[in-house]
Amino acid sequence: MPGDASQQASRREAILSILAEQRVTRQEDLVERLHNRGFESTQSSISRDLKDLGVAKVGDRYIAPQSVREAEARPFEILAGFVTAIATAGPNITVIRTATGAAQSVAVALDESGWPEVVGTISGDDTIFVTTAAQRQQQLLVSRLEQLFPGARR
């Protein structure tokens, strides 16, 4: 129904606003804060919204990847502390380990980076597989990643 899509869009906008303004550690807290803003929702609908919005739980709180995209000068700066390891797996797959819940945000940043060596990413909760076309591109990628995430072990 058209009204449902409009309500969903408004609710998702409110979710992003809440995450930008407040520390949210549980989905139940988010349901309550949305209720205070006039949105009736369930934990399961919030869970779907968070997934569709690309929101990750990093440590004990939720963060929106939009905060990464909006950082104009250095989009990876906000994520630097979440990348824990970088390793190669064959001639064209690079594995990036992150703090629990941070992989999706890092993968979105990589996908949106426009780097020609990145063919694509697949992320889980704390692991990202990055594919490159060949070993030469992989070496370039690893070099970039090591510069961006100097604290990550190799």
C-alpha atoms as a PDB file:
ATOM      1  CA  MET A   1       0.000   0.000   0.000  1.00  0.00           C
ATOM      2  CA  PRO A   2       1.285   3.503  -0.787  1.00  0.00           C
ATOM      3  CA  GLY A   3       0.674   4.744   2.776  1.00  0.00           C
ATOM      4  CA  ASP A   4       2.721   1.878   4.179  1.00  0.00           C
ATOM      5  CA  ALA A   5       5.730   2.795   2.032  1.00  0.00           C
ATOM      6  CA  SER A   6       5.454   6.418   3.147  1.00  0.00           C
ATOM      7  CA  GLN A   7       5.202   5.379   6.809  1.00  0.00           C
ATOM      8  CA  GLN A   8       8.169   3.048   6.397  1.00  0.00           C
ATOM      9  CA  ALA A   9      10.251   5.809   4.788  1.00  0.00           C
ATOM     10  CA  SER A  10       9.324   8.232   7.583  1.00  0.00           C
ATOM     11  CA  ARG A  11      10.133   5.627  10.235  1.00  0.00           C
ATOM     12  CA  ARG A  12      13.500   4.887   8.636  1.00  0.00           C
ATOM     13  CA  GLU A  13      14.298   8.596   8.483  1.00  0.00           C
ATOM     14  CA  ALA A  14      13.443   8.803  12.199  1.00  0.00           C
ATOM     15  CA  ILE A  15      15.704   5.812  12.929  1.00  0.00           C
ATOM     16  CA  LEU A  16      18.656   7.517  11.237  1.00  0.00           C
ATOM     17  CA  SER A  17      17.892  10.722  13.116  1.00  0.00           C
ATOM     18  CA  ILE A  18      17.781   8.903  16.454  1.00  0.00           C
ATOM     19  CA  LEU A  19      21.055   7.096  15.727  1.00  0.00           C
ATOM     20  CA  ALA A  20      22.712  10.399  14.829  1.00  0.00           C
ATOM     21  CA  GLU A  21      21.484  12.071  18.034  1.00  0.00           C
ATOM     22  CA  GLN A  22      21.644   9.324  20.640  1.00  0.00           C
ATOM     23  CA  ARG A  23      23.535   6.203  21.601  1.00  0.00           C
ATOM     24  CA  VAL A  24      21.300   3.184  20.940  1.00  0.00           C
ATOM     25  CA  THR A  25      22.396  -0.202  22.245  1.00  0.00           C
ATOM     26  CA  ARG A  26      19.247  -2.317  21.932  1.00  0.00           C
ATOM     27  CA  GLN A  27      16.512  -2.611  19.325  1.00  0.00           C
ATOM     28  CA  GLU A  28      13.928  -2.462  22.113  1.00  0.00           C
ATOM     29  CA  ASP A  29      15.261   0.998  23.048  1.00  0.00           C
ATOM     30  CA  LEU A  30      14.896   2.072  19.437  1.00  0.00           C
ATOM     31  CA  VAL A  31      11.265   0.840  19.380  1.00  0.00           C
ATOM     32  CA  GLU A  32      10.591   2.931  22.507  1.00  0.00           C
ATOM     33  CA  ARG A  33      12.285   6.047  21.087  1.00  0.00           C
ATOM     34  CA  LEU A  34      10.324   5.680  17.862  1.00  0.00           C
ATOM     35  CA  HIS A  35       7.123   5.332  19.896  1.00  0.00           C
ATOM     36  CA  ASN A  36       7.997   8.614  21.634  1.00  0.00           C
ATOM     37  CA  ARG A  37       8.154  10.209  18.161  1.00  0.00           C
ATOM     38  CA  GLY A  38       4.757   8.797  17.170  1.00  0.00           C
ATOM     39  CA  PHE A  39       5.834   5.650  15.300  1.00  0.00           C
ATOM     40  CA  GLU A  40       4.281   2.345  16.261  1.00  0.00           C
ATOM     41  CA  SER A  41       6.603  -0.506  15.324  1.00  0.00           C
ATOM     42  CA  THR A  42       7.735  -3.915  16.418  1.00  0.00           C
ATOM     43  CA  GLN A  43      11.229  -5.167  17.138  1.00  0.00           C
ATOM     44  CA  SER A  44      11.057  -7.378  14.020  1.00  0.00           C
ATOM     45  CA  SER A  45      10.145  -4.438  11.746  1.00  0.00           C
ATOM     46  CA  ILE A  46      12.951  -2.385  13.295  1.00  0.00           C
ATOM     47  CA  SER A  47      15.349  -5.276  12.704  1.00  0.00           C
ATOM     48  CA  ARG A  48      14.385  -5.305   8.996  1.00  0.00           C
ATOM     49  CA  ASP A  49      14.728  -1.518   8.811  1.00  0.00           C
ATOM     50  CA  LEU A  50      18.206  -1.624  10.357  1.00  0.00           C
ATOM     51  CA  LYS A  51      19.303  -4.302   7.891  1.00  0.00           C
ATOM     52  CA  ASP A  52      17.868  -2.474   4.876  1.00  0.00           C
ATOM     53  CA  LEU A  53      19.443   0.815   5.995  1.00  0.00           C
ATOM     54  CA  GLY A  54      22.844  -0.840   6.371  1.00  0.00           C
ATOM     55  CA  VAL A  55      23.024  -0.052  10.073  1.00  0.00           C
ATOM     56  CA  ALA A  56      25.605  -2.111  11.952  1.00  0.00           C
ATOM     57  CA  LYS A  57      26.011  -2.865  15.614  1.00  0.00           C
ATOM     58  CA  VAL A  58      29.568  -1.976  16.476  1.00  0.00           C
ATOM     59  CA  GLY A  59      30.601  -2.893  19.966  1.00  0.00           C
ATOM     60  CA  ASP A  60      27.501  -2.214  22.008  1.00  0.00           C
ATOM     61  CA  ARG A  61      25.845   0.428  19.806  1.00  0.00           C
ATOM     62  CA  TYR A  62      24.234   0.865  16.426  1.00  0.00           C
ATOM     63  CA  ILE A  63      25.871   3.070  13.793  1.00  0.00           C
ATOM     64  CA  ALA A  64      24.593   4.062  10.376  1.00  0.00           C
ATOM     65  CA  PRO A  65      26.909   3.767   7.367  1.00  0.00           C
ATOM     66  CA  GLN A  66      25.593   7.133   6.180  1.00  0.00           C
ATOM     67  CA  SER A  67      27.858   8.730   8.763  1.00  0.00           C
ATOM     68  CA  VAL A  68      30.758   7.206   6.858  1.00  0.00           C
ATOM     69  CA  ARG A  69      29.532   8.392   3.457  1.00  0.00           C
ATOM     70  CA  GLU A  70      28.953  11.906   4.780  1.00  0.00           C
ATOM     71  CA  ALA A  71      32.516  12.272   6.006  1.00  0.00           C
ATOM     72  CA  GLU A  72      33.792  14.178   2.988  1.00  0.00           C
ATOM     73  CA  ALA A  73      37.531  14.356   3.554  1.00  0.00           C
ATOM     74  CA  ARG A  74      38.293  10.807   4.698  1.00  0.00           C
ATOM     75  CA  PRO A  75      35.370   8.370   4.501  1.00  0.00           C
ATOM     76  CA  PHE A  76      37.359   5.520   6.078  1.00  0.00           C
ATOM     77  CA  GLU A  77      38.566   7.513   9.072  1.00  0.00           C
ATOM     78  CA  ILE A  78      35.539   6.706  11.218  1.00  0.00           C
ATOM     79  CA  LEU A  79      35.996   2.979  10.498  1.00  0.00           C
ATOM     80  CA  ALA A  80      39.749   2.737  11.086  1.00  0.00           C
ATOM     81  CA  GLY A  81      39.434   1.459  14.641  1.00  0.00           C
ATOM     82  CA  PHE A  82      37.101  -1.348  13.607  1.00  0.00           C
ATOM     83  CA  VAL A  83      39.413  -3.114  11.124  1.00  0.00           C
ATOM     84  CA  THR A  84      41.506  -5.669  12.997  1.00  0.00           C
ATOM     85  CA  ALA A  85      43.249  -7.735  10.287  1.00  0.00           C
ATOM     86  CA  ILE A  86      43.932  -7.877   6.552  1.00  0.00           C
ATOM     87  CA  ALA A  87      44.982 -11.098   4.795  1.00  0.00           C
ATOM     88  CA  THR A  88      45.154 -12.461   1.273  1.00  0.00           C
ATOM     89  CA  ALA A  89      43.508 -15.719   0.278  1.00  0.00           C
ATOM     90  CA  GLY A  90      44.730 -16.683  -3.154  1.00  0.00           C
ATOM     91  CA  PRO A  91      45.584 -14.386  -6.022  1.00  0.00           C
ATOM     92  CA  ASN A  92      42.423 -12.237  -5.982  1.00  0.00           C
ATOM     93  CA  ILE A  93      40.605 -12.515  -2.637  1.00  0.00           C
ATOM     94  CA  THR A  94      41.438 -10.295   0.307  1.00  0.00           C
ATOM     95  CA  VAL A  95      39.940 -11.011   3.711  1.00  0.00           C
ATOM     96  CA  ILE A  96      39.310  -8.142   6.100  1.00  0.00           C
ATOM     97  CA  ARG A  97      38.458  -8.889   9.730  1.00  0.00           C
ATOM     98  CA  THR A  98      36.581  -6.291  11.761  1.00  0.00           C
ATOM     99  CA  ALA A  99      35.118  -5.809  15.193  1.00  0.00           C
ATOM    100  CA  THR A 100      31.847  -7.687  15.596  1.00  0.00           C
ATOM    101  CA  GLY A 101      29.098  -5.941  13.663  1.00  0.00           C
ATOM    102  CA  ALA A 102      31.341  -3.578  11.688  1.00  0.00           C
ATOM    103  CA  ALA A 103      31.920  -5.601   8.509  1.00  0.00           C
ATOM    104  CA  GLN A 104      28.886  -4.335   6.625  1.00  0.00           C
ATOM    105  CA  SER A 105      29.785  -0.681   7.207  1.00  0.00           C
ATOM    106  CA  VAL A 106      33.362  -1.223   6.032  1.00  0.00           C
ATOM    107  CA  ALA A 107      32.150  -3.196   2.992  1.00  0.00           C
ATOM    108  CA  VAL A 108      29.722  -0.418   2.028  1.00  0.00           C
ATOM    109  CA  ALA A 109      32.561   2.113   2.239  1.00  0.00           C
ATOM    110  CA  LEU A 110      34.719  -0.124   0.015  1.00  0.00           C
ATOM    111  CA  ASP A 111      31.899  -0.651  -2.485  1.00  0.00           C
ATOM    112  CA  GLU A 112      31.253   3.088  -2.702  1.00  0.00           C
ATOM    113  CA  SER A 113      34.941   4.033  -2.846  1.00  0.00           C
ATOM    114  CA  GLY A 114      35.092   3.775  -6.624  1.00  0.00           C
ATOM    115  CA  TRP A 115      38.471   2.034  -6.408  1.00  0.00           C
ATOM    116  CA  PRO A 116      38.988   0.282  -9.750  1.00  0.00           C
ATOM    117  CA  GLU A 117      40.733  -2.683  -8.127  1.00  0.00           C
ATOM    118  CA  VAL A 118      37.633  -3.632  -6.091  1.00  0.00           C
ATOM    119  CA  VAL A 119      35.376  -5.925  -8.122  1.00  0.00           C
ATOM    120  CA  GLY A 120      33.020  -6.529  -5.201  1.00  0.00           C
ATOM    121  CA  THR A 121      32.598  -7.384  -1.544  1.00  0.00           C
ATOM    122  CA  ILE A 122      30.713  -9.908   0.541  1.00  0.00           C
ATOM    123  CA  SER A 123      30.373  -9.173   4.232  1.00  0.00           C
ATOM    124  CA  GLY A 124      29.250 -11.059   7.256  1.00  0.00           C
ATOM    125  CA  ASP A 125      29.247  -9.856  10.837  1.00  0.00           C
ATOM    126  CA  ASP A 126      33.002  -9.492  11.307  1.00  0.00           C
ATOM    127  CA  THR A 127      34.523 -10.643   8.013  1.00  0.00           C
ATOM    128  CA  ILE A 128      34.647  -9.188   4.508  1.00  0.00           C
ATOM    129  CA  PHE A 129      35.759 -10.938   1.321  1.00  0.00           C
ATOM    130  CA  VAL A 130      36.967  -8.461  -1.289  1.00  0.00           C
ATOM    131  CA  THR A 131      37.481  -9.701  -4.824  1.00  0.00           C
ATOM    132  CA  THR A 132      39.920  -8.157  -7.282  1.00  0.00           C
ATOM    133  CA  ALA A 133      40.379  -9.027 -10.949  1.00  0.00           C
ATOM    134  CA  ALA A 134      43.943 -10.276 -10.523  1.00  0.00           C
ATOM    135  CA  GLN A 135      46.896 -10.421  -8.159  1.00  0.00           C
ATOM    136  CA  ARG A 136      48.271  -7.044  -9.261  1.00  0.00           C
ATOM    137  CA  GLN A 137      45.010  -5.339  -8.268  1.00  0.00           C
ATOM    138  CA  GLN A 138      45.019  -7.282  -5.012  1.00  0.00           C
ATOM    139  CA  GLN A 139      48.475  -5.930  -4.173  1.00  0.00           C
ATOM    140  CA  LEU A 140      47.260  -2.382  -4.817  1.00  0.00           C
ATOM    141  CA  LEU A 141      44.200  -2.994  -2.641  1.00  0.00           C
ATOM    142  CA  VAL A 142      46.235  -4.411   0.242  1.00  0.00           C
ATOM    143  CA  SER A 143      48.607  -1.459   0.053  1.00  0.00           C
ATOM    144  CA  ARG A 144      45.678   0.993   0.258  1.00  0.00           C
ATOM    145  CA  LEU A 145      44.082  -0.927   3.115  1.00  0.00           C
ATOM    146  CA  GLU A 146      47.317  -1.012   5.101  1.00  0.00           C
ATOM    147  CA  GLN A 147      47.596   2.767   4.743  1.00  0.00           C
ATOM    148  CA  LEU A 148      43.982   3.335   5.765  1.00  0.00           C
ATOM    149  CA  PHE A 149      44.020   0.845   8.623  1.00  0.00           C
ATOM    150  CA  PRO A 150      47.562   0.930  10.045  1.00  0.00           C
ATOM    151  CA  GLY A 151      46.495  -0.833  13.252  1.00  0.00           C
ATOM    152  CA  ALA A 152      45.283  -3.940  11.410  1.00  0.00           C
ATOM    153  CA  ARG A 153      47.540  -6.961  11.694  1.00  0.00           C
ATOM    154  CA  ARG A 154      48.669  -8.683   8.537  1.00  0.00           C
END
